Amino acid sequence: MTENEIFEFLKNVLTDYFEIDANKITMDARLNEDLDVDSIDAIDMMSYIKKETGREIEPAQFKEVKTIRDIIDIIMKQMNNNENN
């Protein structure tokens, strides 16, 4: 998956499952402050990410996540690590 494909996937999850206005979802949108994603929503989002990408974001990693871009960076890093192994 490319960075843009991951972004589009996250955007679809946030609009379809969390009913967030697509216009609010940008790479730099802050999950809590801009999108009102709370901790329960974050757990659900991690589940959708794992199901779609096969990548699991550990709770400790997710605590560091502030923006959509942060999630994409974690997934891209995991994908690159797997390619190099």
N, C-alpha and C. Protein backbone atom coordinates (compact mmCIF):
# COMPACT_ATOMS: atom_id res chain seq x y z
N MET A 1 0.85 -1.18 0.00
CA MET A 1 0.00 0.00 0.00
C MET A 1 0.89 1.24 0.00
N THR A 2 0.43 2.24 -0.72
CA THR A 2 1.15 3.50 -0.73
C THR A 2 0.62 4.38 0.40
N GLU A 3 1.34 5.45 0.66
CA GLU A 3 0.91 6.41 1.68
C GLU A 3 -0.48 6.94 1.37
N ASN A 4 -0.74 7.25 0.10
CA ASN A 4 -2.04 7.78 -0.30
C ASN A 4 -3.14 6.73 -0.15
N GLU A 5 -2.84 5.48 -0.45
CA GLU A 5 -3.83 4.41 -0.28
C GLU A 5 -4.19 4.22 1.19
N ILE A 6 -3.19 4.32 2.05
CA ILE A 6 -3.46 4.21 3.48
C ILE A 6 -4.31 5.39 3.95
N PHE A 7 -3.99 6.58 3.47
CA PHE A 7 -4.79 7.75 3.83
C PHE A 7 -6.24 7.57 3.40
N GLU A 8 -6.45 7.13 2.18
CA GLU A 8 -7.82 6.93 1.68
C GLU A 8 -8.55 5.87 2.49
N PHE A 9 -7.85 4.80 2.85
CA PHE A 9 -8.45 3.77 3.70
C PHE A 9 -8.87 4.36 5.04
N LEU A 10 -7.97 5.11 5.68
CA LEU A 10 -8.30 5.72 6.98
C LEU A 10 -9.45 6.71 6.84
N LYS A 11 -9.45 7.45 5.78
CA LYS A 11 -10.53 8.41 5.54
C LYS A 11 -11.87 7.67 5.41
N ASN A 12 -11.87 6.56 4.68
CA ASN A 12 -13.10 5.77 4.54
C ASN A 12 -13.57 5.20 5.87
N VAL A 13 -12.63 4.69 6.66
CA VAL A 13 -12.98 4.16 7.98
C VAL A 13 -13.61 5.26 8.83
N LEU A 14 -12.98 6.41 8.84
CA LEU A 14 -13.47 7.51 9.69
C LEU A 14 -14.82 8.04 9.23
N THR A 15 -15.06 8.06 7.93
CA THR A 15 -16.36 8.54 7.45
C THR A 15 -17.44 7.47 7.57
N ASP A 16 -17.11 6.23 7.22
CA ASP A 16 -18.11 5.16 7.22
C ASP A 16 -18.48 4.67 8.61
N TYR A 17 -17.49 4.46 9.46
CA TYR A 17 -17.74 3.86 10.76
C TYR A 17 -17.89 4.87 11.90
N PHE A 18 -17.24 6.02 11.74
CA PHE A 18 -17.28 7.00 12.82
C PHE A 18 -18.07 8.25 12.44
N GLU A 19 -18.61 8.25 11.21
CA GLU A 19 -19.46 9.33 10.71
C GLU A 19 -18.81 10.71 10.84
N ILE A 20 -17.52 10.77 10.54
CA ILE A 20 -16.79 12.03 10.57
C ILE A 20 -16.86 12.65 9.18
N ASP A 21 -17.09 13.93 9.12
CA ASP A 21 -17.16 14.67 7.86
C ASP A 21 -15.83 14.52 7.11
N ALA A 22 -15.91 14.04 5.88
CA ALA A 22 -14.71 13.80 5.08
C ALA A 22 -13.88 15.06 4.88
N ASN A 23 -14.51 16.22 4.88
CA ASN A 23 -13.78 17.48 4.69
C ASN A 23 -12.86 17.79 5.86
N LYS A 24 -13.12 17.22 7.02
CA LYS A 24 -12.28 17.44 8.20
C LYS A 24 -11.03 16.56 8.20
N ILE A 25 -11.05 15.52 7.39
CA ILE A 25 -9.99 14.51 7.43
C ILE A 25 -8.86 14.89 6.47
N THR A 26 -7.76 15.30 7.07
CA THR A 26 -6.56 15.63 6.32
C THR A 26 -5.39 14.87 6.95
N MET A 27 -4.25 14.91 6.29
CA MET A 27 -3.07 14.24 6.84
C MET A 27 -2.70 14.80 8.21
N ASP A 28 -2.91 16.09 8.39
CA ASP A 28 -2.50 16.74 9.64
C ASP A 28 -3.65 16.90 10.65
N ALA A 29 -4.80 16.32 10.35
CA ALA A 29 -5.93 16.39 11.28
C ALA A 29 -5.56 15.65 12.57
N ARG A 30 -5.78 16.31 13.69
CA ARG A 30 -5.51 15.70 15.00
C ARG A 30 -6.71 14.84 15.37
N LEU A 31 -6.44 13.60 15.76
CA LEU A 31 -7.52 12.66 16.03
C LEU A 31 -8.48 13.16 17.10
N ASN A 32 -7.94 13.57 18.23
CA ASN A 32 -8.80 13.97 19.33
C ASN A 32 -9.38 15.37 19.12
N GLU A 33 -8.54 16.33 18.88
CA GLU A 33 -8.97 17.72 18.82
C GLU A 33 -9.80 18.05 17.58
N ASP A 34 -9.39 17.55 16.41
CA ASP A 34 -10.07 17.91 15.16
C ASP A 34 -11.18 16.94 14.77
N LEU A 35 -10.99 15.66 15.11
CA LEU A 35 -11.92 14.64 14.63
C LEU A 35 -12.76 14.02 15.74
N ASP A 36 -12.52 14.40 16.97
CA ASP A 36 -13.27 13.88 18.12
C ASP A 36 -13.19 12.36 18.24
N VAL A 37 -12.04 11.79 17.94
CA VAL A 37 -11.83 10.35 18.10
C VAL A 37 -11.36 10.14 19.54
N ASP A 38 -12.19 9.43 20.32
CA ASP A 38 -11.82 9.17 21.72
C ASP A 38 -11.09 7.84 21.82
N SER A 39 -10.76 7.45 23.04
CA SER A 39 -9.95 6.24 23.22
C SER A 39 -10.68 4.97 22.77
N ILE A 40 -11.98 4.91 22.96
CA ILE A 40 -12.76 3.74 22.51
C ILE A 40 -12.75 3.69 20.99
N ASP A 41 -12.96 4.84 20.35
CA ASP A 41 -12.91 4.91 18.88
C ASP A 41 -11.53 4.49 18.38
N ALA A 42 -10.48 4.89 19.09
CA ALA A 42 -9.12 4.56 18.68
C ALA A 42 -8.89 3.06 18.69
N ILE A 43 -9.43 2.38 19.68
CA ILE A 43 -9.32 0.91 19.74
C ILE A 43 -10.02 0.28 18.54
N ASP A 44 -11.22 0.77 18.24
CA ASP A 44 -11.95 0.27 17.07
C ASP A 44 -11.16 0.54 15.78
N MET A 45 -10.58 1.72 15.68
CA MET A 45 -9.82 2.08 14.49
C MET A 45 -8.61 1.16 14.33
N MET A 46 -7.93 0.83 15.43
CA MET A 46 -6.79 -0.09 15.36
C MET A 46 -7.23 -1.45 14.82
N SER A 47 -8.42 -1.88 15.21
CA SER A 47 -8.96 -3.15 14.73
C SER A 47 -9.20 -3.12 13.23
N TYR A 48 -9.77 -2.02 12.73
CA TYR A 48 -10.01 -1.88 11.29
C TYR A 48 -8.69 -1.85 10.53
N ILE A 49 -7.69 -1.16 11.08
CA ILE A 49 -6.38 -1.08 10.44
C ILE A 49 -5.76 -2.47 10.32
N LYS A 50 -5.82 -3.23 11.40
CA LYS A 50 -5.23 -4.58 11.38
C LYS A 50 -5.95 -5.46 10.36
N LYS A 51 -7.28 -5.37 10.34
CA LYS A 51 -8.07 -6.20 9.43
C LYS A 51 -7.73 -5.87 7.97
N GLU A 52 -7.60 -4.61 7.64
CA GLU A 52 -7.38 -4.19 6.26
C GLU A 52 -5.92 -4.30 5.81
N THR A 53 -5.00 -3.92 6.68
CA THR A 53 -3.60 -3.84 6.26
C THR A 53 -2.76 -5.01 6.75
N GLY A 54 -3.26 -5.74 7.73
CA GLY A 54 -2.47 -6.80 8.34
C GLY A 54 -1.42 -6.25 9.28
N ARG A 55 -1.45 -4.96 9.52
CA ARG A 55 -0.49 -4.29 10.41
C ARG A 55 -1.17 -3.97 11.72
N GLU A 56 -0.51 -4.33 12.79
CA GLU A 56 -1.07 -4.06 14.11
C GLU A 56 -0.29 -2.92 14.76
N ILE A 57 -1.03 -1.91 15.16
CA ILE A 57 -0.41 -0.81 15.89
C ILE A 57 -0.56 -1.12 17.37
N GLU A 58 0.56 -1.25 18.02
CA GLU A 58 0.56 -1.58 19.45
C GLU A 58 -0.01 -0.40 20.25
N PRO A 59 -0.69 -0.70 21.36
CA PRO A 59 -1.25 0.38 22.19
C PRO A 59 -0.21 1.42 22.59
N ALA A 60 1.00 0.98 22.89
CA ALA A 60 2.06 1.94 23.27
C ALA A 60 2.38 2.86 22.11
N GLN A 61 2.38 2.33 20.88
CA GLN A 61 2.62 3.16 19.70
C GLN A 61 1.46 4.14 19.50
N PHE A 62 0.25 3.63 19.69
CA PHE A 62 -0.92 4.46 19.42
C PHE A 62 -1.01 5.63 20.41
N LYS A 63 -0.46 5.46 21.61
CA LYS A 63 -0.45 6.56 22.57
C LYS A 63 0.32 7.75 22.04
N GLU A 64 1.30 7.50 21.17
CA GLU A 64 2.10 8.57 20.59
C GLU A 64 1.43 9.23 19.39
N VAL A 65 0.38 8.62 18.88
CA VAL A 65 -0.30 9.12 17.68
C VAL A 65 -1.11 10.37 18.02
N LYS A 66 -0.90 11.39 17.22
CA LYS A 66 -1.67 12.63 17.36
C LYS A 66 -2.48 12.94 16.09
N THR A 67 -1.90 12.59 14.93
CA THR A 67 -2.53 12.95 13.65
C THR A 67 -2.70 11.73 12.75
N ILE A 68 -3.45 11.92 11.69
CA ILE A 68 -3.60 10.88 10.67
C ILE A 68 -2.23 10.51 10.11
N ARG A 69 -1.40 11.52 9.88
CA ARG A 69 -0.05 11.29 9.35
C ARG A 69 0.76 10.36 10.26
N ASP A 70 0.58 10.49 11.58
CA ASP A 70 1.29 9.62 12.52
C ASP A 70 0.91 8.15 12.30
N ILE A 71 -0.36 7.89 12.07
CA ILE A 71 -0.82 6.51 11.82
C ILE A 71 -0.20 5.99 10.53
N ILE A 72 -0.24 6.81 9.50
CA ILE A 72 0.33 6.41 8.21
C ILE A 72 1.82 6.12 8.35
N ASP A 73 2.53 6.96 9.08
CA ASP A 73 3.97 6.76 9.28
C ASP A 73 4.26 5.42 9.96
N ILE A 74 3.47 5.06 10.96
CA ILE A 74 3.66 3.79 11.66
C ILE A 74 3.44 2.62 10.70
N ILE A 75 2.36 2.68 9.93
CA ILE A 75 2.06 1.59 8.99
C ILE A 75 3.14 1.49 7.92
N MET A 76 3.56 2.63 7.38
CA MET A 76 4.60 2.62 6.34
C MET A 76 5.91 2.06 6.90
N LYS A 77 6.26 2.43 8.13
CA LYS A 77 7.49 1.93 8.75
C LYS A 77 7.41 0.42 8.92
N GLN A 78 6.27 -0.09 9.36
CA GLN A 78 6.11 -1.53 9.52
C GLN A 78 6.24 -2.24 8.17
N MET A 79 5.64 -1.67 7.14
CA MET A 79 5.72 -2.27 5.82
C MET A 79 7.16 -2.28 5.32
N ASN A 80 7.89 -1.19 5.52
CA ASN A 80 9.28 -1.12 5.10
C ASN A 80 10.15 -2.10 5.88
N ASN A 81 9.89 -2.25 7.17
CA ASN A 81 10.64 -3.21 7.98
C ASN A 81 10.43 -4.64 7.48
N ASN A 82 9.19 -4.95 7.12
CA ASN A 82 8.89 -6.30 6.62
C ASN A 82 9.56 -6.56 5.28
N GLU A 83 9.65 -5.52 4.43
CA GLU A 83 10.29 -5.69 3.13
C GLU A 83 11.78 -5.92 3.28
N ASN A 84 12.38 -5.33 4.31
CA ASN A 84 13.81 -5.44 4.52
C ASN A 84 14.21 -6.72 5.23
N ASN A 85 13.24 -7.44 5.77
CA ASN A 85 13.55 -8.70 6.48
C ASN A 85 13.39 -9.88 5.56
